[in-house]
Amino acid sequence: YIIGTTASGKSAMAIDTAQRLGGVIINADSMQVYRGVNIITACPSPLEFSQAQHKLYNIISPADNFNVNDWCKLAKDEIMQCLAHNQVPILCGGTGFYALSLLQGISPIPDVDMEIRNQVRQLQQTLPSKDFYELLKNEDTQMAEKLNMGDTQRIARALEVVRSTGKSLVYFQSLPPQKILPPEVNILLVANLPNRQVVYDKINLRVENMFNNGAVAEVK
């Protein structure tokens, strides 16, 4: 599992490792799962995709709901497929929550009612942040105390859980996490940590390249 800061060179390291070991690169970045935003998410280029097998990139519509639990299920399937075919699974991404969840497990949160989810997401789109946050304060004070008013994505998640289950997300988060991978699967965590100034320079260059390569048109 290759982790590291933005622009630290994780993708290049993953490709090199895949070529050396006969591996498959499995996306562990929470944004690169989405289609249509390759530039602003710094997704691997077509050339990089051609240099090794890549899985779980560009698979979700930005209009669809997708969370860490969904990713863990897909990542587990890809990992087990690799092992069944004597290939080395190489997870690559800078989303720390994904890494922790895969390695340590996820709190057992029941599936939410889809009608309730759609209602909450509609409120998220139409209500001012302050009013949306007030809904959570009224229905789940414990969770509201943990969240910032502007974090509407997590507020929406907390609302849909309490409305679907009658229990606070805090309750489910307090339960022992459920392991994702079977005990015989051991993951080696590799942190790619170059000099800070090198990373700053690469980030600056990356942002310039994003604009030069059409980031504005992609967002539009």
Protein backbone atom coordinates (compact mmCIF):
# COMPACT_ATOMS: atom_id res chain seq x y z
CA TYR A 1 0.00 0.00 0.00
CA ILE A 2 1.77 3.14 -1.24
CA ILE A 3 0.78 6.30 0.60
CA GLY A 4 2.21 9.81 0.65
CA THR A 5 1.46 13.48 0.28
CA THR A 6 0.02 15.10 -2.82
CA ALA A 7 2.56 15.09 -5.69
CA SER A 8 5.01 12.92 -3.78
CA GLY A 9 5.34 10.51 -6.71
CA LYS A 10 3.05 7.68 -5.58
CA SER A 11 1.77 6.87 -9.07
CA ALA A 12 5.27 6.61 -10.54
CA MET A 13 6.38 4.40 -7.65
CA ALA A 14 3.32 2.19 -8.11
CA ILE A 15 4.01 1.75 -11.84
CA ASP A 16 7.66 0.92 -11.20
CA THR A 17 6.65 -1.60 -8.52
CA ALA A 18 4.00 -3.16 -10.75
CA GLN A 19 6.48 -3.60 -13.58
CA ARG A 20 9.09 -5.14 -11.31
CA LEU A 21 6.75 -7.51 -9.46
CA GLY A 22 4.07 -8.25 -12.04
CA GLY A 23 1.53 -6.32 -10.02
CA VAL A 24 -1.83 -4.62 -10.48
CA ILE A 25 -2.33 -1.04 -9.28
CA ILE A 26 -5.54 -0.52 -7.31
CA ASN A 27 -6.73 3.05 -6.84
CA ALA A 28 -6.97 4.21 -3.24
CA ASP A 29 -7.68 7.88 -3.95
CA SER A 30 -11.18 9.05 -3.05
CA MET A 31 -11.43 11.41 -6.04
CA GLN A 32 -9.82 9.37 -8.81
CA VAL A 33 -12.66 6.86 -8.66
CA TYR A 34 -14.84 9.42 -10.45
CA ARG A 35 -15.21 9.77 -14.20
CA GLY A 36 -14.70 13.01 -16.07
CA VAL A 37 -12.36 14.78 -13.64
CA ASN A 38 -8.99 13.31 -14.57
CA ILE A 39 -7.24 16.68 -14.77
CA ILE A 40 -8.27 18.18 -11.46
CA THR A 41 -7.79 14.90 -9.58
CA ALA A 42 -4.32 14.36 -11.08
CA CYS A 43 -5.39 10.96 -12.35
CA PRO A 44 -2.72 8.88 -14.11
CA SER A 45 -2.28 9.86 -17.75
CA PRO A 46 -3.17 7.57 -20.68
CA LEU A 47 0.57 6.80 -20.99
CA GLU A 48 0.77 5.82 -17.32
CA PHE A 49 -2.36 3.69 -17.62
CA SER A 50 -0.69 1.83 -20.50
CA GLN A 51 2.41 0.99 -18.44
CA ALA A 52 0.66 -1.27 -15.92
CA GLN A 53 -2.74 -2.69 -15.07
CA HIS A 54 -4.88 -0.15 -13.20
CA LYS A 55 -8.12 -0.89 -11.33
CA LEU A 56 -10.84 1.27 -9.71
CA TYR A 57 -10.03 4.44 -11.64
CA ASN A 58 -12.81 6.39 -13.41
CA ILE A 59 -15.52 3.95 -12.37
CA ILE A 60 -18.11 6.14 -10.61
CA SER A 61 -20.32 8.92 -11.96
CA PRO A 62 -19.91 12.17 -9.98
CA ALA A 63 -23.69 12.12 -9.60
CA ASP A 64 -23.60 8.85 -7.65
CA ASN A 65 -23.12 8.41 -3.92
CA PHE A 66 -19.88 6.64 -3.05
CA ASN A 67 -18.20 6.23 0.33
CA VAL A 68 -15.33 4.47 2.06
CA ASN A 69 -17.44 1.37 2.70
CA ASP A 70 -18.18 1.07 -1.02
CA TRP A 71 -14.49 1.49 -1.83
CA CYS A 72 -13.38 -1.11 0.73
CA LYS A 73 -15.70 -3.71 -0.78
CA LEU A 74 -14.37 -3.05 -4.29
CA ALA A 75 -10.75 -2.91 -3.12
CA LYS A 76 -11.12 -6.21 -1.28
CA ASP A 77 -12.54 -7.86 -4.41
CA GLU A 78 -9.62 -6.57 -6.51
CA ILE A 79 -7.05 -7.66 -3.92
CA MET A 80 -8.47 -11.17 -3.70
CA GLN A 81 -8.64 -11.41 -7.52
CA CYS A 82 -4.96 -10.50 -7.74
CA LEU A 83 -3.94 -13.04 -5.13
CA ALA A 84 -6.02 -15.74 -6.82
CA HIS A 85 -4.08 -15.10 -10.05
CA ASN A 86 -0.66 -14.86 -8.36
CA GLN A 87 -0.44 -11.13 -9.01
CA VAL A 88 0.76 -8.53 -6.51
CA PRO A 89 -1.97 -6.05 -5.53
CA ILE A 90 -0.48 -2.54 -5.25
CA LEU A 91 -2.78 -0.03 -3.60
CA CYS A 92 -1.91 3.57 -4.37
CA GLY A 93 -3.48 6.74 -3.03
CA GLY A 94 -3.23 9.59 -0.58
CA THR A 95 -6.62 9.27 1.11
CA GLY A 96 -5.64 8.42 4.68
CA PHE A 97 -9.16 7.47 5.71
CA TYR A 98 -9.24 4.81 3.02
CA ALA A 99 -5.93 3.38 4.23
CA LEU A 100 -7.02 3.30 7.87
CA SER A 101 -10.34 1.72 7.01
CA LEU A 102 -8.81 -1.04 4.91
CA LEU A 103 -6.10 -1.78 7.47
CA GLN A 104 -8.08 -1.41 10.70
CA GLY A 105 -11.66 -2.06 9.63
CA ILE A 106 -14.89 -0.04 9.48
CA SER A 107 -17.55 0.65 12.07
CA PRO A 108 -20.62 -1.53 11.32
CA ILE A 109 -23.09 1.10 10.09
CA PRO A 110 -26.35 -0.30 8.64
CA ASP A 111 -27.37 0.60 5.11
CA VAL A 112 -29.49 3.74 5.03
CA ASP A 113 -32.93 3.95 3.48
CA MET A 114 -32.53 5.22 -0.09
CA GLU A 115 -35.63 7.41 0.11
CA ILE A 116 -34.25 9.06 3.24
CA ARG A 117 -30.84 9.45 1.61
CA ASN A 118 -32.38 11.17 -1.41
CA GLN A 119 -34.40 13.49 0.83
CA VAL A 120 -31.32 14.44 2.85
CA ARG A 121 -29.22 15.05 -0.27
CA GLN A 122 -31.97 17.26 -1.66
CA LEU A 123 -31.91 19.30 1.55
CA GLN A 124 -28.13 19.49 1.30
CA GLN A 125 -28.47 21.07 -2.14
CA THR A 126 -31.24 23.53 -1.28
CA LEU A 127 -30.73 24.69 2.32
CA PRO A 128 -28.12 27.22 3.44
CA SER A 129 -25.29 25.53 5.36
CA LYS A 130 -26.41 27.09 8.65
CA ASP A 131 -29.96 25.75 8.31
CA PHE A 132 -28.73 22.33 7.21
CA TYR A 133 -26.44 22.19 10.23
CA GLU A 134 -29.34 23.19 12.51
CA LEU A 135 -31.26 20.12 11.33
CA LEU A 136 -28.46 17.91 12.56
CA LYS A 137 -28.20 19.81 15.86
CA ASN A 138 -31.89 19.16 16.45
CA GLU A 139 -31.73 15.46 15.52
CA ASP A 140 -28.22 14.37 16.57
CA THR A 141 -26.55 16.77 18.99
CA GLN A 142 -23.62 14.43 19.64
CA MET A 143 -22.62 14.27 16.00
CA ALA A 144 -23.27 17.96 15.41
CA GLU A 145 -20.71 18.81 18.09
CA LYS A 146 -18.09 16.90 16.11
CA LEU A 147 -18.72 18.61 12.77
CA ASN A 148 -18.09 22.00 11.23
CA MET A 149 -21.09 23.88 9.85
CA GLY A 150 -19.54 23.97 6.38
CA ASP A 151 -18.88 20.22 6.21
CA THR A 152 -22.18 19.50 4.51
CA GLN A 153 -21.09 16.10 3.18
CA ARG A 154 -20.51 14.68 6.67
CA ILE A 155 -23.58 16.46 8.00
CA ALA A 156 -25.65 14.76 5.30
CA ARG A 157 -24.16 11.38 6.20
CA ALA A 158 -24.93 11.87 9.88
CA LEU A 159 -28.49 12.98 9.11
CA GLU A 160 -29.27 10.05 6.84
CA VAL A 161 -27.94 7.59 9.43
CA VAL A 162 -29.91 8.99 12.38
CA ARG A 163 -33.08 9.24 10.29
CA SER A 164 -32.70 5.69 8.97
CA THR A 165 -31.67 3.97 12.21
CA GLY A 166 -32.86 6.22 15.02
CA LYS A 167 -29.31 6.15 16.40
CA SER A 168 -26.47 8.64 16.24
CA LEU A 169 -23.52 7.99 13.97
CA VAL A 170 -21.46 8.41 17.16
CA TYR A 171 -23.00 5.18 18.47
CA PHE A 172 -22.00 3.17 15.41
CA GLN A 173 -18.51 4.70 15.37
CA SER A 174 -18.04 3.51 18.96
CA LEU A 175 -18.59 -0.14 18.00
CA PRO A 176 -15.57 -2.40 17.32
CA PRO A 177 -14.59 -2.05 13.62
CA GLN A 178 -15.27 -4.95 11.30
CA LYS A 179 -12.19 -6.21 9.49
CA ILE A 180 -12.22 -5.90 5.71
CA LEU A 181 -9.50 -8.34 4.68
CA PRO A 182 -9.08 -11.93 5.85
CA PRO A 183 -6.33 -12.42 8.47
CA GLU A 184 -4.04 -14.26 6.05
CA VAL A 185 -3.70 -11.12 3.89
CA ASN A 186 -0.83 -8.97 5.13
CA ILE A 187 -0.34 -5.45 3.78
CA LEU A 188 3.02 -3.74 3.62
CA LEU A 189 2.59 0.00 4.08
CA VAL A 190 5.08 2.11 2.11
CA ALA A 191 5.20 5.87 2.72
CA ASN A 192 6.72 7.95 -0.08
CA LEU A 193 7.99 11.06 1.73
CA PRO A 194 10.28 13.27 -0.35
CA ASN A 195 11.74 16.55 0.85
CA ARG A 196 9.03 19.10 1.64
CA GLN A 197 10.37 21.77 -0.73
CA VAL A 198 10.50 19.23 -3.54
CA VAL A 199 6.83 18.45 -2.92
CA TYR A 200 5.91 22.15 -2.85
CA ASP A 201 7.66 22.72 -6.16
CA LYS A 202 5.93 19.71 -7.72
CA ILE A 203 2.53 20.86 -6.48
CA ASN A 204 3.06 24.33 -7.94
CA LEU A 205 4.05 22.82 -11.27
CA ARG A 206 1.11 20.44 -11.16
CA VAL A 207 -1.39 23.27 -10.66
CA GLU A 208 0.11 25.20 -13.58
CA ASN A 209 -0.12 22.10 -15.75
CA MET A 210 -3.74 21.55 -14.70
CA PHE A 211 -4.70 24.97 -16.04
CA ASN A 212 -2.61 24.51 -19.18
CA ASN A 213 -4.20 21.11 -19.83
CA GLY A 214 -7.82 22.25 -19.55
CA ALA A 215 -8.86 22.19 -15.88
CA VAL A 216 -11.28 25.10 -16.33
CA ALA A 217 -13.06 23.41 -19.25
CA GLU A 218 -13.21 20.15 -17.30
CA VAL A 219 -14.90 21.84 -14.34
CA LYS A 220 -17.36 23.61 -16.63
